[in-house]
Amino acid sequence: MSLSHDDVKRIAKLSRIAVTDDELTAAQTQLNRIFGLIEEMRAVDTTGIEPMSHAQDVILRLRDDEATAPNRREAFQSVAPAVEDGLYLVPKVIE
């Protein structure tokens, strides 16, 4: 697939990007290279290849989901202006 100058102008307009004629030619070249790379990648036969979630074999070290910090809710709520049933009460700000 090859983009024309009109195609690149339309893409720039849709993207709300102002491009000069010099930038238009450079953008056209870059976009055509990208589309060329995509066509090369599509030409590779991938039948029988299982999709991968990552390019490398990554093993995550998992730990138990345990709370390690002490619960200091009472200390924090003791200095709050208003608390009810463990919740902070704040003034109404919407009229």
PDB file of N, CA and C in Angstrom:
ATOM      1  N   MET A   1       0.855  -1.178   0.000  1.00  0.00           N
ATOM      2  CA  MET A   1       0.000   0.000   0.000  1.00  0.00           C
ATOM      3  C   MET A   1       0.895   1.232   0.000  1.00  0.00           C
ATOM      4  N   SER A   2       0.590   2.152  -0.870  1.00  0.00           N
ATOM      5  CA  SER A   2       1.372   3.376  -0.973  1.00  0.00           C
ATOM      6  C   SER A   2       0.434   4.573  -0.842  1.00  0.00           C
ATOM      7  N   LEU A   3       0.817   5.522  -0.013  1.00  0.00           N
ATOM      8  CA  LEU A   3       0.004   6.714   0.194  1.00  0.00           C
ATOM      9  C   LEU A   3       0.428   7.820  -0.760  1.00  0.00           C
ATOM     10  N   SER A   4      -0.557   8.558  -1.256  1.00  0.00           N
ATOM     11  CA  SER A   4      -0.274   9.705  -2.116  1.00  0.00           C
ATOM     12  C   SER A   4      -0.191  10.965  -1.252  1.00  0.00           C
ATOM     13  N   HIS A   5       0.190  12.084  -1.886  1.00  0.00           N
ATOM     14  CA  HIS A   5       0.234  13.360  -1.156  1.00  0.00           C
ATOM     15  C   HIS A   5      -1.152  13.720  -0.639  1.00  0.00           C
ATOM     16  N   ASP A   6      -2.185  13.444  -1.424  1.00  0.00           N
ATOM     17  CA  ASP A   6      -3.554  13.757  -0.989  1.00  0.00           C
ATOM     18  C   ASP A   6      -3.945  12.928   0.237  1.00  0.00           C
ATOM     19  N   ASP A   7      -3.519  11.659   0.261  1.00  0.00           N
ATOM     20  CA  ASP A   7      -3.817  10.817   1.416  1.00  0.00           C
ATOM     21  C   ASP A   7      -3.160  11.373   2.676  1.00  0.00           C
ATOM     22  N   VAL A   8      -1.913  11.778   2.556  1.00  0.00           N
ATOM     23  CA  VAL A   8      -1.192  12.312   3.718  1.00  0.00           C
ATOM     24  C   VAL A   8      -1.805  13.637   4.158  1.00  0.00           C
ATOM     25  N   LYS A   9      -2.214  14.467   3.202  1.00  0.00           N
ATOM     26  CA  LYS A   9      -2.882  15.732   3.557  1.00  0.00           C
ATOM     27  C   LYS A   9      -4.172  15.454   4.316  1.00  0.00           C
ATOM     28  N   ARG A  10      -4.923  14.460   3.866  1.00  0.00           N
ATOM     29  CA  ARG A  10      -6.194  14.116   4.513  1.00  0.00           C
ATOM     30  C   ARG A  10      -5.935  13.592   5.928  1.00  0.00           C
ATOM     31  N   ILE A  11      -4.924  12.749   6.079  1.00  0.00           N
ATOM     32  CA  ILE A  11      -4.580  12.227   7.405  1.00  0.00           C
ATOM     33  C   ILE A  11      -4.161  13.372   8.326  1.00  0.00           C
ATOM     34  N   ALA A  12      -3.366  14.285   7.812  1.00  0.00           N
ATOM     35  CA  ALA A  12      -2.929  15.440   8.610  1.00  0.00           C
ATOM     36  C   ALA A  12      -4.120  16.307   9.011  1.00  0.00           C
ATOM     37  N   LYS A  13      -5.052  16.473   8.097  1.00  0.00           N
ATOM     38  CA  LYS A  13      -6.238  17.289   8.399  1.00  0.00           C
ATOM     39  C   LYS A  13      -7.090  16.608   9.466  1.00  0.00           C
ATOM     40  N   LEU A  14      -7.284  15.297   9.332  1.00  0.00           N
ATOM     41  CA  LEU A  14      -8.065  14.562  10.330  1.00  0.00           C
ATOM     42  C   LEU A  14      -7.383  14.572  11.692  1.00  0.00           C
ATOM     43  N   SER A  15      -6.051  14.590  11.681  1.00  0.00           N
ATOM     44  CA  SER A  15      -5.284  14.615  12.924  1.00  0.00           C
ATOM     45  C   SER A  15      -5.114  16.021  13.471  1.00  0.00           C
ATOM     46  N   ARG A  16      -5.578  16.990  12.704  1.00  0.00           N
ATOM     47  CA  ARG A  16      -5.435  18.402  13.073  1.00  0.00           C
ATOM     48  C   ARG A  16      -3.961  18.772  13.237  1.00  0.00           C
ATOM     49  N   ILE A  17      -3.151  18.333  12.269  1.00  0.00           N
ATOM     50  CA  ILE A  17      -1.725  18.632  12.252  1.00  0.00           C
ATOM     51  C   ILE A  17      -1.436  19.489  11.026  1.00  0.00           C
ATOM     52  N   ALA A  18      -0.831  20.642  11.241  1.00  0.00           N
ATOM     53  CA  ALA A  18      -0.453  21.508  10.127  1.00  0.00           C
ATOM     54  C   ALA A  18       0.886  21.043   9.586  1.00  0.00           C
ATOM     55  N   VAL A  19       0.945  20.735   8.284  1.00  0.00           N
ATOM     56  CA  VAL A  19       2.187  20.276   7.663  1.00  0.00           C
ATOM     57  C   VAL A  19       2.502  21.141   6.454  1.00  0.00           C
ATOM     58  N   THR A  20       3.780  21.450   6.299  1.00  0.00           N
ATOM     59  CA  THR A  20       4.229  22.168   5.115  1.00  0.00           C
ATOM     60  C   THR A  20       4.469  21.149   3.995  1.00  0.00           C
ATOM     61  N   ASP A  21       4.789  21.650   2.810  1.00  0.00           N
ATOM     62  CA  ASP A  21       5.030  20.742   1.690  1.00  0.00           C
ATOM     63  C   ASP A  21       6.259  19.865   1.933  1.00  0.00           C
ATOM     64  N   ASP A  22       7.295  20.426   2.562  1.00  0.00           N
ATOM     65  CA  ASP A  22       8.482  19.629   2.877  1.00  0.00           C
ATOM     66  C   ASP A  22       8.155  18.538   3.896  1.00  0.00           C
ATOM     67  N   GLU A  23       7.398  18.917   4.906  1.00  0.00           N
ATOM     68  CA  GLU A  23       6.990  17.947   5.922  1.00  0.00           C
ATOM     69  C   GLU A  23       6.058  16.897   5.335  1.00  0.00           C
ATOM     70  N   LEU A  24       5.252  17.313   4.363  1.00  0.00           N
ATOM     71  CA  LEU A  24       4.319  16.397   3.708  1.00  0.00           C
ATOM     72  C   LEU A  24       5.078  15.288   2.990  1.00  0.00           C
ATOM     73  N   THR A  25       6.124  15.648   2.281  1.00  0.00           N
ATOM     74  CA  THR A  25       6.926  14.656   1.565  1.00  0.00           C
ATOM     75  C   THR A  25       7.634  13.720   2.544  1.00  0.00           C
ATOM     76  N   ALA A  26       8.177  14.283   3.628  1.00  0.00           N
ATOM     77  CA  ALA A  26       8.857  13.461   4.626  1.00  0.00           C
ATOM     78  C   ALA A  26       7.868  12.517   5.312  1.00  0.00           C
ATOM     79  N   ALA A  27       6.689  13.027   5.648  1.00  0.00           N
ATOM     80  CA  ALA A  27       5.668  12.197   6.299  1.00  0.00           C
ATOM     81  C   ALA A  27       5.203  11.085   5.358  1.00  0.00           C
ATOM     82  N   GLN A  28       5.062  11.416   4.068  1.00  0.00           N
ATOM     83  CA  GLN A  28       4.654  10.407   3.099  1.00  0.00           C
ATOM     84  C   GLN A  28       5.689   9.285   3.027  1.00  0.00           C
ATOM     85  N   THR A  29       6.946   9.647   3.002  1.00  0.00           N
ATOM     86  CA  THR A  29       8.020   8.651   2.953  1.00  0.00           C
ATOM     87  C   THR A  29       7.998   7.766   4.199  1.00  0.00           C
ATOM     88  N   GLN A  30       7.874   8.386   5.357  1.00  0.00           N
ATOM     89  CA  GLN A  30       7.875   7.623   6.605  1.00  0.00           C
ATOM     90  C   GLN A  30       6.665   6.700   6.693  1.00  0.00           C
ATOM     91  N   LEU A  31       5.495   7.211   6.327  1.00  0.00           N
ATOM     92  CA  LEU A  31       4.290   6.382   6.387  1.00  0.00           C
ATOM     93  C   LEU A  31       4.364   5.229   5.398  1.00  0.00           C
ATOM     94  N   ASN A  32       4.886   5.467   4.208  1.00  0.00           N
ATOM     95  CA  ASN A  32       5.021   4.394   3.230  1.00  0.00           C
ATOM     96  C   ASN A  32       6.010   3.334   3.706  1.00  0.00           C
ATOM     97  N   ARG A  33       7.067   3.747   4.412  1.00  0.00           N
ATOM     98  CA  ARG A  33       8.004   2.775   4.979  1.00  0.00           C
ATOM     99  C   ARG A  33       7.325   1.923   6.043  1.00  0.00           C
ATOM    100  N   ILE A  34       6.510   2.564   6.869  1.00  0.00           N
ATOM    101  CA  ILE A  34       5.792   1.836   7.912  1.00  0.00           C
ATOM    102  C   ILE A  34       4.848   0.818   7.287  1.00  0.00           C
ATOM    103  N   PHE A  35       4.099   1.241   6.260  1.00  0.00           N
ATOM    104  CA  PHE A  35       3.181   0.309   5.591  1.00  0.00           C
ATOM    105  C   PHE A  35       3.949  -0.811   4.891  1.00  0.00           C
ATOM    106  N   GLY A  36       5.128  -0.510   4.369  1.00  0.00           N
ATOM    107  CA  GLY A  36       5.962  -1.545   3.760  1.00  0.00           C
ATOM    108  C   GLY A  36       6.396  -2.583   4.784  1.00  0.00           C
ATOM    109  N   LEU A  37       6.772  -2.112   5.974  1.00  0.00           N
ATOM    110  CA  LEU A  37       7.161  -3.023   7.043  1.00  0.00           C
ATOM    111  C   LEU A  37       5.978  -3.900   7.459  1.00  0.00           C
ATOM    112  N   ILE A  38       4.806  -3.318   7.536  1.00  0.00           N
ATOM    113  CA  ILE A  38       3.611  -4.082   7.894  1.00  0.00           C
ATOM    114  C   ILE A  38       3.329  -5.148   6.845  1.00  0.00           C
ATOM    115  N   GLU A  39       3.486  -4.817   5.569  1.00  0.00           N
ATOM    116  CA  GLU A  39       3.266  -5.803   4.516  1.00  0.00           C
ATOM    117  C   GLU A  39       4.287  -6.940   4.602  1.00  0.00           C
ATOM    118  N   GLU A  40       5.540  -6.617   4.934  1.00  0.00           N
ATOM    119  CA  GLU A  40       6.559  -7.657   5.109  1.00  0.00           C
ATOM    120  C   GLU A  40       6.190  -8.578   6.270  1.00  0.00           C
ATOM    121  N   MET A  41       5.707  -7.997   7.351  1.00  0.00           N
ATOM    122  CA  MET A  41       5.330  -8.800   8.511  1.00  0.00           C
ATOM    123  C   MET A  41       4.124  -9.684   8.208  1.00  0.00           C
ATOM    124  N   ARG A  42       3.192  -9.184   7.418  1.00  0.00           N
ATOM    125  CA  ARG A  42       2.025  -9.979   7.044  1.00  0.00           C
ATOM    126  C   ARG A  42       2.394 -11.136   6.128  1.00  0.00           C
ATOM    127  N   ALA A  43       3.476 -11.012   5.388  1.00  0.00           N
ATOM    128  CA  ALA A  43       3.882 -12.047   4.446  1.00  0.00           C
ATOM    129  C   ALA A  43       4.509 -13.252   5.144  1.00  0.00           C
ATOM    130  N   VAL A  44       4.892 -13.111   6.396  1.00  0.00           N
ATOM    131  CA  VAL A  44       5.515 -14.205   7.139  1.00  0.00           C
ATOM    132  C   VAL A  44       4.448 -15.244   7.478  1.00  0.00           C
ATOM    133  N   ASP A  45       4.769 -16.504   7.224  1.00  0.00           N
ATOM    134  CA  ASP A  45       3.842 -17.599   7.516  1.00  0.00           C
ATOM    135  C   ASP A  45       3.887 -17.907   9.010  1.00  0.00           C
ATOM    136  N   THR A  46       2.776 -17.695   9.681  1.00  0.00           N
ATOM    137  CA  THR A  46       2.714 -17.908  11.125  1.00  0.00           C
ATOM    138  C   THR A  46       1.762 -19.041  11.498  1.00  0.00           C
ATOM    139  N   THR A  47       1.426 -19.891  10.548  1.00  0.00           N
ATOM    140  CA  THR A  47       0.528 -21.000  10.864  1.00  0.00           C
ATOM    141  C   THR A  47       1.233 -21.959  11.820  1.00  0.00           C
ATOM    142  N   GLY A  48       0.509 -22.382  12.824  1.00  0.00           N
ATOM    143  CA  GLY A  48       1.059 -23.312  13.801  1.00  0.00           C
ATOM    144  C   GLY A  48       1.891 -22.661  14.882  1.00  0.00           C
ATOM    145  N   ILE A  49       2.016 -21.361  14.870  1.00  0.00           N
ATOM    146  CA  ILE A  49       2.792 -20.669  15.902  1.00  0.00           C
ATOM    147  C   ILE A  49       1.822 -20.120  16.942  1.00  0.00           C
ATOM    148  N   GLU A  50       2.089 -20.451  18.173  1.00  0.00           N
ATOM    149  CA  GLU A  50       1.209 -20.035  19.252  1.00  0.00           C
ATOM    150  C   GLU A  50       1.485 -18.582  19.626  1.00  0.00           C
ATOM    151  N   PRO A  51       0.444 -17.763  19.802  1.00  0.00           N
ATOM    152  CA  PRO A  51       0.660 -16.361  20.197  1.00  0.00           C
ATOM    153  C   PRO A  51       1.339 -16.273  21.561  1.00  0.00           C
ATOM    154  N   MET A  52       2.170 -15.254  21.704  1.00  0.00           N
ATOM    155  CA  MET A  52       2.899 -15.052  22.949  1.00  0.00           C
ATOM    156  C   MET A  52       2.429 -13.764  23.612  1.00  0.00           C
ATOM    157  N   SER A  53       2.451 -13.749  24.924  1.00  0.00           N
ATOM    158  CA  SER A  53       2.089 -12.526  25.630  1.00  0.00           C
ATOM    159  C   SER A  53       3.287 -11.602  25.774  1.00  0.00           C
ATOM    160  N   HIS A  54       4.495 -12.161  25.623  1.00  0.00           N
ATOM    161  CA  HIS A  54       5.714 -11.369  25.761  1.00  0.00           C
ATOM    162  C   HIS A  54       6.796 -12.006  24.909  1.00  0.00           C
ATOM    163  N   ALA A  55       7.722 -11.212  24.420  1.00  0.00           N
ATOM    164  CA  ALA A  55       8.767 -11.717  23.543  1.00  0.00           C
ATOM    165  C   ALA A  55       9.792 -12.575  24.285  1.00  0.00           C
ATOM    166  N   GLN A  56       9.880 -12.424  25.577  1.00  0.00           N
ATOM    167  CA  GLN A  56      10.816 -13.208  26.377  1.00  0.00           C
ATOM    168  C   GLN A  56      10.037 -14.055  27.374  1.00  0.00           C
ATOM    169  N   ASP A  57      10.658 -15.118  27.848  1.00  0.00           N
ATOM    170  CA  ASP A  57      10.023 -15.918  28.892  1.00  0.00           C
ATOM    171  C   ASP A  57      10.140 -15.173  30.203  1.00  0.00           C
ATOM    172  N   VAL A  58       9.047 -14.563  30.610  1.00  0.00           N
ATOM    173  CA  VAL A  58       9.039 -13.771  31.827  1.00  0.00           C
ATOM    174  C   VAL A  58       8.281 -14.537  32.899  1.00  0.00           C
ATOM    175  N   ILE A  59       8.910 -14.698  34.044  1.00  0.00           N
ATOM    176  CA  ILE A  59       8.267 -15.361  35.171  1.00  0.00           C
ATOM    177  C   ILE A  59       8.106 -14.319  36.265  1.00  0.00           C
ATOM    178  N   LEU A  60       6.873 -14.109  36.660  1.00  0.00           N
ATOM    179  CA  LEU A  60       6.609 -13.141  37.715  1.00  0.00           C
ATOM    180  C   LEU A  60       6.759 -13.815  39.069  1.00  0.00           C
ATOM    181  N   ARG A  61       7.453 -13.159  39.938  1.00  0.00           N
ATOM    182  CA  ARG A  61       7.581 -13.662  41.298  1.00  0.00           C
ATOM    183  C   ARG A  61       6.374 -13.176  42.082  1.00  0.00           C
ATOM    184  N   LEU A  62       5.528 -14.099  42.444  1.00  0.00           N
ATOM    185  CA  LEU A  62       4.310 -13.737  43.152  1.00  0.00           C
ATOM    186  C   LEU A  62       4.513 -13.931  44.651  1.00  0.00           C
ATOM    187  N   ARG A  63       3.886 -13.105  45.410  1.00  0.00           N
ATOM    188  CA  ARG A  63       3.918 -13.234  46.859  1.00  0.00           C
ATOM    189  C   ARG A  63       2.486 -13.269  47.361  1.00  0.00           C
ATOM    190  N   ASP A  64       2.316 -13.709  48.565  1.00  0.00           N
ATOM    191  CA  ASP A  64       0.996 -13.719  49.165  1.00  0.00           C
ATOM    192  C   ASP A  64       0.518 -12.290  49.364  1.00  0.00           C
ATOM    193  N   ASP A  65      -0.751 -12.076  49.111  1.00  0.00           N
ATOM    194  CA  ASP A  65      -1.338 -10.746  49.257  1.00  0.00           C
ATOM    195  C   ASP A  65      -1.723 -10.557  50.715  1.00  0.00           C
ATOM    196  N   GLU A  66      -0.781 -10.044  51.497  1.00  0.00           N
ATOM    197  CA  GLU A  66      -1.002  -9.842  52.914  1.00  0.00           C
ATOM    198  C   GLU A  66      -0.699  -8.392  53.281  1.00  0.00           C
ATOM    199  N   ALA A  67      -1.462  -7.877  54.202  1.00  0.00           N
ATOM    200  CA  ALA A  67      -1.198  -6.535  54.696  1.00  0.00           C
ATOM    201  C   ALA A  67       0.020  -6.592  55.603  1.00  0.00           C
ATOM    202  N   THR A  68       1.011  -5.763  55.291  1.00  0.00           N
ATOM    203  CA  THR A  68       2.240  -5.766  56.085  1.00  0.00           C
ATOM    204  C   THR A  68       2.337  -4.547  56.995  1.00  0.00           C
ATOM    205  N   ALA A  69       1.645  -3.479  56.652  1.00  0.00           N
ATOM    206  CA  ALA A  69       1.682  -2.277  57.481  1.00  0.00           C
ATOM    207  C   ALA A  69       0.603  -2.384  58.558  1.00  0.00           C
ATOM    208  N   PRO A  70       0.884  -1.858  59.742  1.00  0.00           N
ATOM    209  CA  PRO A  70      -0.136  -1.914  60.806  1.00  0.00           C
ATOM    210  C   PRO A  70      -1.328  -1.030  60.464  1.00  0.00           C
ATOM    211  N   ASN A  71      -2.492  -1.415  60.941  1.00  0.00           N
ATOM    212  CA  ASN A  71      -3.709  -0.643  60.713  1.00  0.00           C
ATOM    213  C   ASN A  71      -3.719   0.543  61.669  1.00  0.00           C
ATOM    214  N   ARG A  72      -3.611   1.762  61.111  1.00  0.00           N
ATOM    215  CA  ARG A  72      -3.581   2.963  61.936  1.00  0.00           C
ATOM    216  C   ARG A  72      -4.807   3.837  61.685  1.00  0.00           C
ATOM    217  N   ARG A  73      -5.931   3.210  61.333  1.00  0.00           N
ATOM    218  CA  ARG A  73      -7.144   3.961  61.037  1.00  0.00           C
ATOM    219  C   ARG A  73      -7.580   4.812  62.231  1.00  0.00           C
ATOM    220  N   GLU A  74      -7.553   4.216  63.415  1.00  0.00           N
ATOM    221  CA  GLU A  74      -8.008   4.961  64.589  1.00  0.00           C
ATOM    222  C   GLU A  74      -7.143   6.197  64.841  1.00  0.00           C
ATOM    223  N   ALA A  75      -5.846   6.081  64.625  1.00  0.00           N
ATOM    224  CA  ALA A  75      -4.950   7.225  64.836  1.00  0.00           C
ATOM    225  C   ALA A  75      -5.248   8.324  63.818  1.00  0.00           C
ATOM    226  N   PHE A  76      -5.508   7.953  62.575  1.00  0.00           N
ATOM    227  CA  PHE A  76      -5.795   8.954  61.550  1.00  0.00           C
ATOM    228  C   PHE A  76      -7.160   9.596  61.785  1.00  0.00           C
ATOM    229  N   GLN A  77      -8.138   8.795  62.182  1.00  0.00           N
ATOM    230  CA  GLN A  77      -9.477   9.333  62.366  1.00  0.00           C
ATOM    231  C   GLN A  77      -9.616  10.110  63.664  1.00  0.00           C
ATOM    232  N   SER A  78      -8.705   9.933  64.575  1.00  0.00           N
ATOM    233  CA  SER A  78      -8.793  10.674  65.848  1.00  0.00           C
ATOM    234  C   SER A  78      -8.542  12.164  65.641  1.00  0.00           C
ATOM    235  N   VAL A  79      -7.826  12.548  64.583  1.00  0.00           N
ATOM    236  CA  VAL A  79      -7.551  13.956  64.333  1.00  0.00           C
ATOM    237  C   VAL A  79      -8.506  14.544  63.291  1.00  0.00           C
ATOM    238  N   ALA A  80      -9.401  13.733  62.745  1.00  0.00           N
ATOM    239  CA  ALA A  80     -10.348  14.218  61.738  1.00  0.00           C
ATOM    240  C   ALA A  80     -11.453  15.019  62.419  1.00  0.00           C
ATOM    241  N   PRO A  81     -11.964  16.063  61.736  1.00  0.00           N
ATOM    242  CA  PRO A  81     -13.012  16.878  62.343  1.00  0.00           C
ATOM    243  C   PRO A  81     -14.315  16.115  62.570  1.00  0.00           C
ATOM    244  N   ALA A  82     -14.678  15.199  61.622  1.00  0.00           N
ATOM    245  CA  ALA A  82     -15.935  14.469  61.772  1.00  0.00           C
ATOM    246  C   ALA A  82     -15.787  13.071  61.170  1.00  0.00           C
ATOM    247  N   VAL A  83     -16.166  12.078  61.986  1.00  0.00           N
ATOM    248  CA  VAL A  83     -16.078  10.678  61.560  1.00  0.00           C
ATOM    249  C   VAL A  83     -17.345   9.966  62.015  1.00  0.00           C
ATOM    250  N   GLU A  84     -17.844   9.080  61.167  1.00  0.00           N
ATOM    251  CA  GLU A  84     -19.012   8.282  61.541  1.00  0.00           C
ATOM    252  C   GLU A  84     -18.884   6.894  60.930  1.00  0.00           C
ATOM    253  N   ASP A  85     -18.979   5.868  61.743  1.00  0.00           N
ATOM    254  CA  ASP A  85     -18.894   4.462  61.310  1.00  0.00           C
ATOM    255  C   ASP A  85     -17.620   4.196  60.501  1.00  0.00           C
ATOM    256  N   GLY A  86     -16.506   4.786  60.903  1.00  0.00           N
ATOM    257  CA  GLY A  86     -15.243   4.553  60.225  1.00  0.00           C
ATOM    258  C   GLY A  86     -15.058   5.341  58.943  1.00  0.00           C
ATOM    259  N   LEU A  87     -15.985   6.252  58.630  1.00  0.00           N
ATOM    260  CA  LEU A  87     -15.904   7.061  57.416  1.00  0.00           C
ATOM    261  C   LEU A  87     -15.688   8.519  57.782  1.00  0.00           C
ATOM    262  N   TYR A  88     -14.950   9.228  56.937  1.00  0.00           N
ATOM    263  CA  TYR A  88     -14.741  10.654  57.124  1.00  0.00           C
ATOM    264  C   TYR A  88     -15.963  11.410  56.612  1.00  0.00           C
ATOM    265  N   LEU A  89     -16.457  12.350  57.397  1.00  0.00           N
ATOM    266  CA  LEU A  89     -17.591  13.176  56.980  1.00  0.00           C
ATOM    267  C   LEU A  89     -17.044  14.505  56.490  1.00  0.00           C
ATOM    268  N   VAL A  90     -17.509  14.919  55.328  1.00  0.00           N
ATOM    269  CA  VAL A  90     -17.057  16.175  54.736  1.00  0.00           C
ATOM    270  C   VAL A  90     -18.259  17.063  54.440  1.00  0.00           C
ATOM    271  N   PRO A  91     -18.061  18.386  54.386  1.00  0.00           N
ATOM    272  CA  PRO A  91     -19.189  19.264  54.082  1.00  0.00           C
ATOM    273  C   PRO A  91     -19.642  19.089  52.641  1.00  0.00           C
ATOM    274  N   LYS A  92     -20.921  19.352  52.416  1.00  0.00           N
ATOM    275  CA  LYS A  92     -21.499  19.271  51.071  1.00  0.00           C
ATOM    276  C   LYS A  92     -20.925  20.411  50.230  1.00  0.00           C
ATOM    277  N   VAL A  93     -20.420  20.108  49.024  1.00  0.00           N
ATOM    278  CA  VAL A  93     -19.826  21.124  48.182  1.00  0.00           C
ATOM    279  C   VAL A  93     -20.638  21.381  46.912  1.00  0.00           C
ATOM    280  N   ILE A  94     -21.647  20.588  46.660  1.00  0.00           N
ATOM    281  CA  ILE A  94     -22.497  20.794  45.482  1.00  0.00           C
ATOM    282  C   ILE A  94     -23.769  21.471  45.930  1.00  0.00           C
ATOM    283  N   GLU A  95     -24.109  22.538  45.272  1.00  0.00           N
ATOM    284  CA  GLU A  95     -25.320  23.272  45.644  1.00  0.00           C
ATOM    285  C   GLU A  95     -26.521  22.724  44.945  1.00  0.00           C
TER     286      GLU A  95
END
